[in-house]
Each structure stands twice: as C-alpha cells, then as structure tokens.
C-alpha atoms as a PDB file:
ATOM      1  CA  MET A   1      52.466  82.399  27.945  1.00  0.00           C
ATOM      2  CA  ILE A   2      54.877  84.023  30.393  1.00  0.00           C
ATOM      3  CA  GLN A   3      53.169  87.208  31.547  1.00  0.00           C
ATOM      4  CA  GLU A   4      56.085  89.243  32.884  1.00  0.00           C
ATOM      5  CA  SER A   5      59.863  89.083  32.912  1.00  0.00           C
ATOM      6  CA  LEU A   6      61.639  87.720  35.951  1.00  0.00           C
ATOM      7  CA  GLU A   7      63.254  91.125  36.425  1.00  0.00           C
ATOM      8  CA  LYS A   8      59.829  92.750  36.742  1.00  0.00           C
ATOM      9  CA  LEU A   9      58.551  90.003  39.008  1.00  0.00           C
ATOM     10  CA  LEU A  10      61.462  90.446  41.408  1.00  0.00           C
ATOM     11  CA  GLN A  11      60.629  94.141  41.648  1.00  0.00           C
ATOM     12  CA  HIS A  12      56.860  93.757  41.994  1.00  0.00           C
ATOM     13  CA  LYS A  13      55.675  95.001  45.379  1.00  0.00           C
ATOM     14  CA  GLY A  14      51.985  94.337  44.818  1.00  0.00           C
ATOM     15  CA  ARG A  15      48.995  96.536  44.126  1.00  0.00           C
ATOM     16  CA  GLY A  16      47.653  95.961  47.609  1.00  0.00           C
ATOM     17  CA  GLN A  17      47.180  98.787  50.065  1.00  0.00           C
ATOM     18  CA  LYS A  18      47.931  97.521  53.550  1.00  0.00           C
ATOM     19  CA  PRO A  19      45.413  98.862  56.084  1.00  0.00           C
ATOM     20  CA  HIS A  20      46.934 101.049  58.782  1.00  0.00           C
ATOM     21  CA  ASP A  21      45.412  98.784  61.433  1.00  0.00           C
ATOM     22  CA  PHE A  22      46.296  95.479  59.739  1.00  0.00           C
ATOM     23  CA  ASP A  23      48.668  94.234  62.449  1.00  0.00           C
ATOM     24  CA  ALA A  24      46.423  95.498  65.233  1.00  0.00           C
ATOM     25  CA  PHE A  25      43.474  93.712  63.640  1.00  0.00           C
ATOM     26  CA  TRP A  26      45.329  90.409  63.516  1.00  0.00           C
ATOM     27  CA  ASP A  27      46.842  90.812  66.974  1.00  0.00           C
ATOM     28  CA  LYS A  28      43.287  91.229  68.262  1.00  0.00           C
ATOM     29  CA  GLU A  29      42.160  88.134  66.378  1.00  0.00           C
ATOM     30  CA  LEU A  30      45.077  86.134  67.793  1.00  0.00           C
ATOM     31  CA  SER A  31      44.100  87.226  71.286  1.00  0.00           C
ATOM     32  CA  LYS A  32      40.923  85.152  70.846  1.00  0.00           C
ATOM     33  CA  LEU A  33      43.138  82.077  70.947  1.00  0.00           C
ATOM     34  CA  GLU A  34      45.035  82.916  74.129  1.00  0.00           C
ATOM     35  CA  ASN A  35      42.784  80.935  76.455  1.00  0.00           C
ATOM     36  CA  LEU A  36      41.516  78.459  73.893  1.00  0.00           C
ATOM     37  CA  SER A  37      41.867  74.832  74.878  1.00  0.00           C
ATOM     38  CA  LEU A  38      44.149  72.724  72.715  1.00  0.00           C
ATOM     39  CA  ASP A  39      42.090  69.639  73.496  1.00  0.00           C
ATOM     40  CA  TYR A  40      41.466  67.292  70.616  1.00  0.00           C
ATOM     41  CA  GLN A  41      39.973  63.867  69.915  1.00  0.00           C
ATOM     42  CA  LEU A  42      41.817  61.029  68.190  1.00  0.00           C
ATOM     43  CA  GLU A  43      40.222  58.247  66.186  1.00  0.00           C
ATOM     44  CA  GLN A  44      42.304  55.428  64.725  1.00  0.00           C
ATOM     45  CA  ALA A  45      42.173  55.454  60.930  1.00  0.00           C
ATOM     46  CA  ALA A  46      41.801  52.203  59.017  1.00  0.00           C
ATOM     47  CA  VAL A  47      45.077  52.588  57.121  1.00  0.00           C
ATOM     48  CA  ALA A  48      47.620  49.782  56.894  1.00  0.00           C
ATOM     49  CA  SER A  49      51.216  50.884  57.469  1.00  0.00           C
ATOM     50  CA  ASN A  50      54.390  49.315  58.824  1.00  0.00           C
ATOM     51  CA  VAL A  51      55.917  52.688  59.653  1.00  0.00           C
ATOM     52  CA  ALA A  52      53.107  55.016  60.792  1.00  0.00           C
ATOM     53  CA  ASP A  53      50.147  55.083  63.138  1.00  0.00           C
ATOM     54  CA  CYS A  54      47.317  56.954  61.415  1.00  0.00           C
ATOM     55  CA  TYR A  55      44.536  58.921  63.087  1.00  0.00           C
ATOM     56  CA  ILE A  56      41.745  61.389  62.485  1.00  0.00           C
ATOM     57  CA  LEU A  57      42.357  64.308  64.862  1.00  0.00           C
ATOM     58  CA  THR A  58      39.432  66.639  65.538  1.00  0.00           C
ATOM     59  CA  PHE A  59      39.538  69.932  67.421  1.00  0.00           C
ATOM     60  CA  THR A  60      37.104  72.726  68.201  1.00  0.00           C
ATOM     61  CA  SER A  61      38.091  76.096  66.765  1.00  0.00           C
ATOM     62  CA  PHE A  62      37.593  79.482  68.406  1.00  0.00           C
ATOM     63  CA  ASP A  63      34.016  79.821  67.104  1.00  0.00           C
ATOM     64  CA  GLY A  64      32.855  76.291  67.894  1.00  0.00           C
ATOM     65  CA  THR A  65      33.551  74.862  64.444  1.00  0.00           C
ATOM     66  CA  ARG A  66      34.800  71.278  64.444  1.00  0.00           C
ATOM     67  CA  ILE A  67      37.979  70.961  62.375  1.00  0.00           C
ATOM     68  CA  SER A  68      39.201  67.599  61.103  1.00  0.00           C
ATOM     69  CA  CYS A  69      42.842  66.720  60.468  1.00  0.00           C
ATOM     70  CA  GLN A  70      44.837  63.677  59.467  1.00  0.00           C
ATOM     71  CA  LEU A  71      47.626  62.782  61.892  1.00  0.00           C
ATOM     72  CA  LEU A  72      50.459  60.340  61.238  1.00  0.00           C
ATOM     73  CA  LYS A  73      53.007  59.348  63.881  1.00  0.00           C
ATOM     74  CA  PRO A  74      56.127  57.246  63.280  1.00  0.00           C
ATOM     75  CA  LYS A  75      55.809  53.824  64.888  1.00  0.00           C
ATOM     76  CA  ARG A  76      59.323  53.932  66.284  1.00  0.00           C
ATOM     77  CA  LYS A  77      59.540  55.316  69.804  1.00  0.00           C
ATOM     78  CA  GLY A  78      62.041  56.794  72.195  1.00  0.00           C
ATOM     79  CA  THR A  79      62.641  60.183  70.633  1.00  0.00           C
ATOM     80  CA  THR A  80      60.888  63.344  69.548  1.00  0.00           C
ATOM     81  CA  PHE A  81      60.269  64.118  65.903  1.00  0.00           C
ATOM     82  CA  PRO A  82      59.971  67.240  63.794  1.00  0.00           C
ATOM     83  CA  GLY A  83      56.397  68.214  62.990  1.00  0.00           C
ATOM     84  CA  LEU A  84      55.150  68.812  59.453  1.00  0.00           C
ATOM     85  CA  LEU A  85      51.844  70.648  58.971  1.00  0.00           C
ATOM     86  CA  GLN A  86      50.229  70.452  55.530  1.00  0.00           C
ATOM     87  CA  PHE A  87      47.428  72.438  53.896  1.00  0.00           C
ATOM     88  CA  HIS A  88      45.459  71.525  50.778  1.00  0.00           C
ATOM     89  CA  GLY A  89      44.272  73.410  47.700  1.00  0.00           C
ATOM     90  CA  TYR A  90      41.009  75.271  47.173  1.00  0.00           C
ATOM     91  CA  HIS A  91      37.732  73.322  47.510  1.00  0.00           C
ATOM     92  CA  VAL A  92      39.375  69.916  47.994  1.00  0.00           C
ATOM     93  CA  ASN A  93      40.733  68.066  51.044  1.00  0.00           C
ATOM     94  CA  SER A  94      43.854  66.609  52.598  1.00  0.00           C
ATOM     95  CA  GLY A  95      43.952  63.615  50.273  1.00  0.00           C
ATOM     96  CA  ASP A  96      44.979  60.098  51.241  1.00  0.00           C
ATOM     97  CA  PHE A  97      47.016  59.061  54.249  1.00  0.00           C
ATOM     98  CA  SER A  98      49.250  57.105  51.880  1.00  0.00           C
ATOM     99  CA  GLU A  99      50.562  60.348  50.375  1.00  0.00           C
ATOM    100  CA  LYS A 100      52.065  61.260  53.756  1.00  0.00           C
ATOM    101  CA  ILE A 101      53.427  57.929  54.963  1.00  0.00           C
ATOM    102  CA  GLY A 102      56.815  58.647  53.363  1.00  0.00           C
ATOM    103  CA  TRP A 103      57.254  61.633  55.661  1.00  0.00           C
ATOM    104  CA  ALA A 104      56.381  59.517  58.695  1.00  0.00           C
ATOM    105  CA  ALA A 105      58.936  56.936  57.521  1.00  0.00           C
ATOM    106  CA  GLU A 106      61.526  59.734  57.457  1.00  0.00           C
ATOM    107  CA  GLY A 107      60.706  60.524  61.088  1.00  0.00           C
ATOM    108  CA  PHE A 108      58.137  63.322  60.914  1.00  0.00           C
ATOM    109  CA  VAL A 109      54.865  63.654  62.759  1.00  0.00           C
ATOM    110  CA  VAL A 110      52.556  64.822  59.981  1.00  0.00           C
ATOM    111  CA  MET A 111      49.308  66.739  60.447  1.00  0.00           C
ATOM    112  CA  ALA A 112      47.091  67.757  57.512  1.00  0.00           C
ATOM    113  CA  MET A 113      44.132  70.074  58.115  1.00  0.00           C
ATOM    114  CA  ASP A 114      40.883  69.986  56.159  1.00  0.00           C
ATOM    115  CA  CYS A 115      39.698  73.570  55.632  1.00  0.00           C
ATOM    116  CA  ARG A 116      36.292  74.299  57.090  1.00  0.00           C
ATOM    117  CA  GLY A 117      33.371  73.690  54.776  1.00  0.00           C
ATOM    118  CA  GLN A 118      35.437  72.604  51.792  1.00  0.00           C
ATOM    119  CA  GLY A 119      35.963  69.099  50.415  1.00  0.00           C
ATOM    120  CA  GLY A 120      37.048  67.395  53.621  1.00  0.00           C
ATOM    121  CA  LYS A 121      35.451  66.502  56.943  1.00  0.00           C
ATOM    122  CA  SER A 122      35.704  69.896  58.665  1.00  0.00           C
ATOM    123  CA  GLU A 123      32.397  71.625  59.261  1.00  0.00           C
ATOM    124  CA  ASN A 124      31.738  75.345  58.865  1.00  0.00           C
ATOM    125  CA  ILE A 125      29.658  77.281  61.358  1.00  0.00           C
ATOM    126  CA  GLU A 126      28.595  80.180  59.160  1.00  0.00           C
ATOM    127  CA  SER A 127      28.728  83.572  60.851  1.00  0.00           C
ATOM    128  CA  SER A 128      27.995  85.622  57.732  1.00  0.00           C
ATOM    129  CA  THR A 129      24.336  86.205  56.932  1.00  0.00           C
ATOM    130  CA  VAL A 130      24.416  89.048  54.399  1.00  0.00           C
ATOM    131  CA  GLY A 131      24.892  88.542  50.669  1.00  0.00           C
ATOM    132  CA  THR A 132      25.905  85.377  48.895  1.00  0.00           C
ATOM    133  CA  ALA A 133      28.987  83.222  48.484  1.00  0.00           C
ATOM    134  CA  LEU A 134      28.282  83.063  44.723  1.00  0.00           C
ATOM    135  CA  LYS A 135      30.918  80.608  43.494  1.00  0.00           C
ATOM    136  CA  GLY A 136      33.646  81.107  46.054  1.00  0.00           C
ATOM    137  CA  LEU A 137      34.840  81.680  49.563  1.00  0.00           C
ATOM    138  CA  ILE A 138      37.160  84.685  49.177  1.00  0.00           C
ATOM    139  CA  ILE A 139      34.094  86.912  49.077  1.00  0.00           C
ATOM    140  CA  ARG A 140      32.154  85.139  51.812  1.00  0.00           C
ATOM    141  CA  GLY A 141      31.272  87.743  54.442  1.00  0.00           C
ATOM    142  CA  ILE A 142      32.733  90.654  52.486  1.00  0.00           C
ATOM    143  CA  GLU A 143      29.602  92.785  52.789  1.00  0.00           C
ATOM    144  CA  GLU A 144      29.879  92.639  56.576  1.00  0.00           C
ATOM    145  CA  GLY A 145      33.526  93.653  56.816  1.00  0.00           C
ATOM    146  CA  PRO A 146      36.824  91.994  57.771  1.00  0.00           C
ATOM    147  CA  GLU A 147      35.471  90.371  60.941  1.00  0.00           C
ATOM    148  CA  ALA A 148      33.054  88.235  58.913  1.00  0.00           C
ATOM    149  CA  LEU A 149      35.427  87.023  56.185  1.00  0.00           C
ATOM    150  CA  TYR A 150      35.565  83.268  55.711  1.00  0.00           C
ATOM    151  CA  PHE A 151      39.328  83.223  55.307  1.00  0.00           C
ATOM    152  CA  LYS A 152      39.825  85.168  58.510  1.00  0.00           C
ATOM    153  CA  ARG A 153      38.437  82.133  60.291  1.00  0.00           C
ATOM    154  CA  VAL A 154      40.503  79.667  58.271  1.00  0.00           C
ATOM    155  CA  PHE A 155      43.688  81.622  59.018  1.00  0.00           C
ATOM    156  CA  LEU A 156      42.986  81.294  62.745  1.00  0.00           C
ATOM    157  CA  ASP A 157      42.274  77.573  62.305  1.00  0.00           C
ATOM    158  CA  THR A 158      45.792  77.131  60.918  1.00  0.00           C
ATOM    159  CA  VAL A 159      47.292  78.687  64.038  1.00  0.00           C
ATOM    160  CA  ILE A 160      45.334  76.381  66.322  1.00  0.00           C
ATOM    161  CA  ALA A 161      46.369  73.370  64.253  1.00  0.00           C
ATOM    162  CA  SER A 162      50.031  74.362  64.471  1.00  0.00           C
ATOM    163  CA  ARG A 163      49.814  74.785  68.243  1.00  0.00           C
ATOM    164  CA  ILE A 164      48.187  71.389  68.668  1.00  0.00           C
ATOM    165  CA  LEU A 165      50.976  69.831  66.606  1.00  0.00           C
ATOM    166  CA  MET A 166      53.572  71.549  68.805  1.00  0.00           C
ATOM    167  CA  SER A 167      51.821  70.287  71.930  1.00  0.00           C
ATOM    168  CA  LEU A 168      52.081  66.596  71.019  1.00  0.00           C
ATOM    169  CA  GLY A 169      54.470  64.690  73.244  1.00  0.00           C
ATOM    170  CA  GLU A 170      56.235  63.080  70.292  1.00  0.00           C
ATOM    171  CA  VAL A 171      56.934  66.408  68.583  1.00  0.00           C
ATOM    172  CA  ASN A 172      59.967  68.647  68.964  1.00  0.00           C
ATOM    173  CA  GLU A 173      58.271  72.048  69.117  1.00  0.00           C
ATOM    174  CA  GLU A 174      61.519  73.679  67.986  1.00  0.00           C
ATOM    175  CA  ARG A 175      61.289  71.901  64.620  1.00  0.00           C
ATOM    176  CA  ILE A 176      57.904  72.750  63.116  1.00  0.00           C
ATOM    177  CA  PHE A 177      57.577  73.033  59.341  1.00  0.00           C
ATOM    178  CA  VAL A 178      54.621  73.860  57.081  1.00  0.00           C
ATOM    179  CA  GLN A 179      53.898  73.023  53.462  1.00  0.00           C
ATOM    180  CA  GLY A 180      51.150  73.584  50.906  1.00  0.00           C
ATOM    181  CA  ALA A 181      50.274  74.434  47.321  1.00  0.00           C
ATOM    182  CA  SER A 182      47.881  77.052  45.910  1.00  0.00           C
ATOM    183  CA  GLN A 183      45.386  77.743  48.733  1.00  0.00           C
ATOM    184  CA  GLY A 184      47.579  75.489  50.859  1.00  0.00           C
ATOM    185  CA  GLY A 185      50.632  77.540  49.928  1.00  0.00           C
ATOM    186  CA  ALA A 186      48.869  80.686  51.071  1.00  0.00           C
ATOM    187  CA  LEU A 187      47.818  79.058  54.348  1.00  0.00           C
ATOM    188  CA  ALA A 188      51.362  77.838  54.995  1.00  0.00           C
ATOM    189  CA  LEU A 189      52.656  81.413  54.711  1.00  0.00           C
ATOM    190  CA  VAL A 190      49.894  82.906  56.851  1.00  0.00           C
ATOM    191  CA  CYS A 191      50.312  80.218  59.491  1.00  0.00           C
ATOM    192  CA  ALA A 192      54.031  81.029  59.739  1.00  0.00           C
ATOM    193  CA  ALA A 193      53.244  84.741  59.950  1.00  0.00           C
ATOM    194  CA  LEU A 194      50.770  84.277  62.807  1.00  0.00           C
ATOM    195  CA  GLU A 195      52.738  81.578  64.650  1.00  0.00           C
ATOM    196  CA  PRO A 196      56.379  82.757  64.689  1.00  0.00           C
ATOM    197  CA  ARG A 197      57.700  79.508  66.191  1.00  0.00           C
ATOM    198  CA  ILE A 198      57.380  77.814  62.804  1.00  0.00           C
ATOM    199  CA  LYS A 199      60.875  77.281  61.380  1.00  0.00           C
ATOM    200  CA  ARG A 200      60.528  76.492  57.673  1.00  0.00           C
ATOM    201  CA  VAL A 201      57.899  76.952  54.976  1.00  0.00           C
ATOM    202  CA  PHE A 202      57.652  75.407  51.556  1.00  0.00           C
ATOM    203  CA  THR A 203      54.971  77.111  49.464  1.00  0.00           C
ATOM    204  CA  THR A 204      54.015  76.226  45.902  1.00  0.00           C
ATOM    205  CA  HIS A 205      52.234  78.803  43.687  1.00  0.00           C
ATOM    206  CA  PRO A 206      50.496  80.490  46.649  1.00  0.00           C
ATOM    207  CA  TYR A 207      46.945  81.817  46.243  1.00  0.00           C
ATOM    208  CA  LEU A 208      45.042  84.615  48.056  1.00  0.00           C
ATOM    209  CA  SER A 209      47.338  87.507  47.260  1.00  0.00           C
ATOM    210  CA  ASP A 210      47.334  90.882  45.523  1.00  0.00           C
ATOM    211  CA  TYR A 211      43.617  90.887  44.727  1.00  0.00           C
ATOM    212  CA  ARG A 212      43.770  94.285  43.025  1.00  0.00           C
ATOM    213  CA  ARG A 213      46.472  93.028  40.668  1.00  0.00           C
ATOM    214  CA  ALA A 214      44.614  89.778  39.975  1.00  0.00           C
ATOM    215  CA  PHE A 215      41.521  91.794  39.055  1.00  0.00           C
ATOM    216  CA  GLU A 216      43.517  93.606  36.353  1.00  0.00           C
ATOM    217  CA  LEU A 217      44.466  90.341  34.619  1.00  0.00           C
ATOM    218  CA  ASP A 218      42.483  87.551  32.930  1.00  0.00           C
ATOM    219  CA  ILE A 219      40.453  87.057  36.052  1.00  0.00           C
ATOM    220  CA  LYS A 220      37.561  85.077  34.544  1.00  0.00           C
ATOM    221  CA  ASN A 221      39.923  82.203  33.780  1.00  0.00           C
ATOM    222  CA  SER A 222      41.800  82.276  37.073  1.00  0.00           C
ATOM    223  CA  ALA A 223      41.275  81.158  40.658  1.00  0.00           C
ATOM    224  CA  TYR A 224      40.118  84.711  41.383  1.00  0.00           C
ATOM    225  CA  GLU A 225      37.046  84.556  39.126  1.00  0.00           C
ATOM    226  CA  GLU A 226      34.668  85.039  42.060  1.00  0.00           C
ATOM    227  CA  LEU A 227      35.807  88.667  42.309  1.00  0.00           C
ATOM    228  CA  PHE A 228      34.536  89.219  38.771  1.00  0.00           C
ATOM    229  CA  TYR A 229      31.218  87.530  39.491  1.00  0.00           C
ATOM    230  CA  TRP A 230      30.694  89.512  42.685  1.00  0.00           C
ATOM    231  CA  PHE A 231      30.838  92.743  40.738  1.00  0.00           C
ATOM    232  CA  ARG A 232      28.744  91.340  37.902  1.00  0.00           C
ATOM    233  CA  PHE A 233      25.885  90.288  40.162  1.00  0.00           C
ATOM    234  CA  ARG A 234      26.242  92.343  43.349  1.00  0.00           C
ATOM    235  CA  ASP A 235      27.789  95.651  42.255  1.00  0.00           C
ATOM    236  CA  PRO A 236      27.607  96.077  38.457  1.00  0.00           C
ATOM    237  CA  LEU A 237      28.215  99.857  38.687  1.00  0.00           C
ATOM    238  CA  HIS A 238      31.256  99.338  40.965  1.00  0.00           C
ATOM    239  CA  GLU A 239      29.861 101.726  43.532  1.00  0.00           C
ATOM    240  CA  LYS A 240      31.371  99.640  46.349  1.00  0.00           C
ATOM    241  CA  GLU A 241      34.644  98.793  44.602  1.00  0.00           C
ATOM    242  CA  GLU A 242      37.002 100.581  46.976  1.00  0.00           C
ATOM    243  CA  THR A 243      35.284  99.227  50.089  1.00  0.00           C
ATOM    244  CA  PHE A 244      35.352  95.750  48.529  1.00  0.00           C
ATOM    245  CA  PHE A 245      39.110  95.783  47.970  1.00  0.00           C
ATOM    246  CA  GLN A 246      39.845  97.511  51.270  1.00  0.00           C
ATOM    247  CA  THR A 247      38.084  94.647  53.045  1.00  0.00           C
ATOM    248  CA  LEU A 248      40.039  92.016  51.117  1.00  0.00           C
ATOM    249  CA  GLU A 249      43.307  93.644  52.198  1.00  0.00           C
ATOM    250  CA  TYR A 250      42.816  92.034  55.624  1.00  0.00           C
ATOM    251  CA  ILE A 251      43.161  88.565  54.079  1.00  0.00           C
ATOM    252  CA  ASP A 252      45.824  89.450  51.480  1.00  0.00           C
ATOM    253  CA  VAL A 253      48.829  87.194  52.060  1.00  0.00           C
ATOM    254  CA  GLN A 254      51.323  89.840  50.929  1.00  0.00           C
ATOM    255  CA  HIS A 255      50.526  91.892  54.037  1.00  0.00           C
ATOM    256  CA  PHE A 256      51.384  88.938  56.299  1.00  0.00           C
ATOM    257  CA  ALA A 257      54.787  88.426  54.677  1.00  0.00           C
ATOM    258  CA  PRO A 258      56.802  90.855  56.862  1.00  0.00           C
ATOM    259  CA  ARG A 259      55.674  88.963  59.979  1.00  0.00           C
ATOM    260  CA  ILE A 260      57.226  85.690  58.809  1.00  0.00           C
ATOM    261  CA  LYS A 261      60.346  84.627  60.725  1.00  0.00           C
ATOM    262  CA  ALA A 262      60.694  81.174  59.187  1.00  0.00           C
ATOM    263  CA  GLU A 263      62.951  80.222  56.296  1.00  0.00           C
ATOM    264  CA  VAL A 264      60.846  80.146  53.127  1.00  0.00           C
ATOM    265  CA  ILE A 265      61.177  78.482  49.746  1.00  0.00           C
ATOM    266  CA  MET A 266      58.606  79.217  47.057  1.00  0.00           C
ATOM    267  CA  ALA A 267      58.106  77.251  43.847  1.00  0.00           C
ATOM    268  CA  THR A 268      56.330  78.988  41.000  1.00  0.00           C
ATOM    269  CA  GLY A 269      55.624  78.348  37.354  1.00  0.00           C
ATOM    270  CA  LEU A 270      56.096  81.446  35.228  1.00  0.00           C
ATOM    271  CA  ASP A 271      53.273  80.277  32.929  1.00  0.00           C
ATOM    272  CA  ASP A 272      50.713  80.179  35.752  1.00  0.00           C
ATOM    273  CA  GLU A 273      47.364  81.591  34.614  1.00  0.00           C
ATOM    274  CA  ILE A 274      45.435  80.423  37.688  1.00  0.00           C
ATOM    275  CA  CYS A 275      47.451  82.166  40.402  1.00  0.00           C
ATOM    276  CA  PHE A 276      49.376  84.770  38.440  1.00  0.00           C
ATOM    277  CA  PRO A 277      53.150  84.927  39.102  1.00  0.00           C
ATOM    278  CA  SER A 278      52.995  88.651  39.910  1.00  0.00           C
ATOM    279  CA  THR A 279      50.531  87.961  42.736  1.00  0.00           C
ATOM    280  CA  GLN A 280      52.904  85.335  44.101  1.00  0.00           C
ATOM    281  CA  PHE A 281      55.917  87.623  43.925  1.00  0.00           C
ATOM    282  CA  ALA A 282      53.961  90.340  45.717  1.00  0.00           C
ATOM    283  CA  VAL A 283      54.277  88.017  48.709  1.00  0.00           C
ATOM    284  CA  PHE A 284      57.786  86.720  48.082  1.00  0.00           C
ATOM    285  CA  ASN A 285      59.300  90.188  47.685  1.00  0.00           C
ATOM    286  CA  LYS A 286      57.944  91.277  51.079  1.00  0.00           C
ATOM    287  CA  ILE A 287      59.350  88.336  53.018  1.00  0.00           C
ATOM    288  CA  THR A 288      62.316  89.564  55.070  1.00  0.00           C
ATOM    289  CA  SER A 289      63.426  86.214  56.526  1.00  0.00           C
ATOM    290  CA  PRO A 290      65.819  83.885  54.618  1.00  0.00           C
ATOM    291  CA  LYS A 291      64.145  82.868  51.367  1.00  0.00           C
ATOM    292  CA  ASP A 292      64.700  81.304  47.978  1.00  0.00           C
ATOM    293  CA  VAL A 293      62.580  80.607  44.897  1.00  0.00           C
ATOM    294  CA  ILE A 294      62.395  77.698  42.450  1.00  0.00           C
ATOM    295  CA  LEU A 295      61.335  78.823  38.971  1.00  0.00           C
ATOM    296  CA  LEU A 296      59.771  76.634  36.286  1.00  0.00           C
ATOM    297  CA  PRO A 297      59.438  78.827  33.160  1.00  0.00           C
ATOM    298  CA  GLU A 298      57.436  76.302  31.102  1.00  0.00           C
ATOM    299  CA  TYR A 299      55.004  75.319  33.861  1.00  0.00           C
ATOM    300  CA  GLY A 300      51.726  76.753  35.071  1.00  0.00           C
ATOM    301  CA  HIS A 301      49.459  75.865  37.993  1.00  0.00           C
ATOM    302  CA  GLU A 302      50.204  72.151  38.031  1.00  0.00           C
ATOM    303  CA  TYR A 303      52.447  69.406  39.339  1.00  0.00           C
ATOM    304  CA  TYR A 304      56.116  70.428  39.297  1.00  0.00           C
ATOM    305  CA  PRO A 305      58.549  67.579  38.505  1.00  0.00           C
ATOM    306  CA  LYS A 306      61.817  67.331  40.458  1.00  0.00           C
ATOM    307  CA  VAL A 307      60.643  69.845  43.060  1.00  0.00           C
ATOM    308  CA  ALA A 308      59.431  67.293  45.628  1.00  0.00           C
ATOM    309  CA  ASP A 309      62.919  65.814  45.826  1.00  0.00           C
ATOM    310  CA  LYS A 310      64.305  69.256  46.630  1.00  0.00           C
ATOM    311  CA  VAL A 311      61.750  69.774  49.370  1.00  0.00           C
ATOM    312  CA  ARG A 312      63.044  66.723  51.189  1.00  0.00           C
ATOM    313  CA  GLY A 313      66.468  68.306  51.477  1.00  0.00           C
ATOM    314  CA  PHE A 314      64.950  71.516  52.814  1.00  0.00           C
ATOM    315  CA  PHE A 315      62.978  69.800  55.574  1.00  0.00           C
ATOM    316  CA  ILE A 316      65.346  66.941  56.395  1.00  0.00           C
ATOM    317  CA  HIS A 317      68.760  68.587  56.066  1.00  0.00           C
ATOM    318  CA  ASN A 318      67.902  72.333  56.033  1.00  0.00           C
ATOM    319  CA  GLU A 319      69.364  72.751  52.557  1.00  0.00           C
ATOM    320  CA  MET A 320      68.293  76.301  51.739  1.00  0.00           C
ATOM    321  CA  LYS A 321      70.512  76.485  48.661  1.00  0.00           C
ATOM    322  CA  ALA A 322      69.779  73.082  47.179  1.00  0.00           C
ATOM    323  CA  PHE A 323      68.243  74.579  44.062  1.00  0.00           C
END
C-alpha cells in the first residue's frame, strides 16, 4: 500500500533534528584518518574470468579492525579505469565476484566492502561495552553516545575504502562512483558526503534515515524494528527517549545529504514497508547537488526490474536524464 502521495514525499524534509555540532563532529572523526596508512594486502581469489583479475583486499581501519573487500581489475592494460565502490545490504555481504565481472568487462575497477561484523569476512573490534545490541546494529553503542555508535565506525570505513580505491595505479581518481541498496544505499550516500571527490552515486531504497519518522510508522515490520525493541526492553517508560533519538541524529543519513557534491540518482519503490519512502525522501530532498529519482509505484523493498540497465548509462555515459 502506497503510504503517502508523491507530492507529499517531495516536500518531506524529515523529522530529524540535526545537532548543532553535527558537521564539527564528523570533521573531527575524519581527522582521525588524516595520517592513516592506506596500506592493504591482496590475495588472489580463486575465480575464473577471461576479463577480470579477482582479489581479496584487506585493510586495517582507524581502530585496528581488519576490513575485507572484493577487488576486480580489468585484465586489459595500458590505461586507467574509473573506480566503482559497492556496498551491501544489512547483515549480509558483498556477494559473489561473478556479480561484478560485467562491470570489470566494461572497464571499471570494482571494489566491494564487507561491513564489519556482518555477513562477510570483515571483523569487528567492539568498542562499546554498555548495554546490548539486541537484534540490530543501529543501536549498538547508543547508551555511550555518538562516539561509540557502530555505524559511526562503518561510515569511516567507507571513506578509507574509497581512498584506497582512488590510490590504485589503475584507477582514475577523477572518476570514482559508488553504488548500493538499502544499507548499501545509505553507505553510498554517506561515503560521498564524507569524501567529496566521489563523482556519482546510485542509491536504491536507502536505509538509516529519519529515525524519528520511522518510529512513527509500522516499525515492528520494518528494518527499523530494533528501535522498538530497545524501548521495549531497555527503556519501557521512554525516560531516555529524547537522548536516544538525539544520539541517532549523528548517524542519520539525511543530515549528511547537504555535504554531497556528487551527482545522485535514487531508485525507490513507493510500496516500500521496510525502508519507508518518506525516510528516503528525507535524504533526497536535502541533496543540493544534481539529482534525479526513479519511482516504482507498485514495488517495495525488492529487486527493481529495468533499473540496472539505466544505471549502466549513468556510470558509463553520465546519462543523468536517462529515466
């Protein structure tokens, strides 16, 4: 069931309340990366391909966590290639190398990051010791404040990954693109906000936005259900509600949107009951760089037919208005 009209969605500015020190907070976090080594280790992956060399790339993040990525390089030599950084959905991993070989055949160096402590090979050095993760990672560290939030660390991991991709000799650092869906769509937007050299972003039904609005909706059946369970088990009288949401504001994607300089295309299903369309438009409406949106009125949080073909035009030919 479509929750809100398109007219209302295009006017929705989000229920979030951006902290006065939001940009200062993130500028301070980014400063932790200034002298961080971009060293990495490469291990050949046992993947057969006539067009791509496939590797596992591992780097050490700012807090000592080892982050694992897939890396695919076109076999043909003698030129530099655009770089494509991909992020996966919540709890899972970067998938198979085979899913990315088409991009390498088109002449992209592809890097896909496994989020720390989720379904891939990246580890998670846990810095939060108070409270419980319950069922999810949005709330991990919330009782210790913004510095301890799990997603604060993941957001910084994305920046490091993008800088490593830019540093590769085969990559044209002036042509760096990012892509992802759901959690991956959120990470693509945040990465572009924190690393302004990124040129284009394709985000599909992005997650991690407008937590206050999500809490007003059918939250128990959405990707935001852990907010409900935190109150149910940790704060049933809602005595800490305002502090809870104020802390989440530091990892609310809508507040990153004004920092984005890249061209952005968002795809969203208006029947999405997992990541509600209004939470997605809270981000989209605050992006000030060139942007466009693909709407699928009969689709929810799922695979979108025909959209992948459009993405190719956006990344290969810079077709912003191909939709």
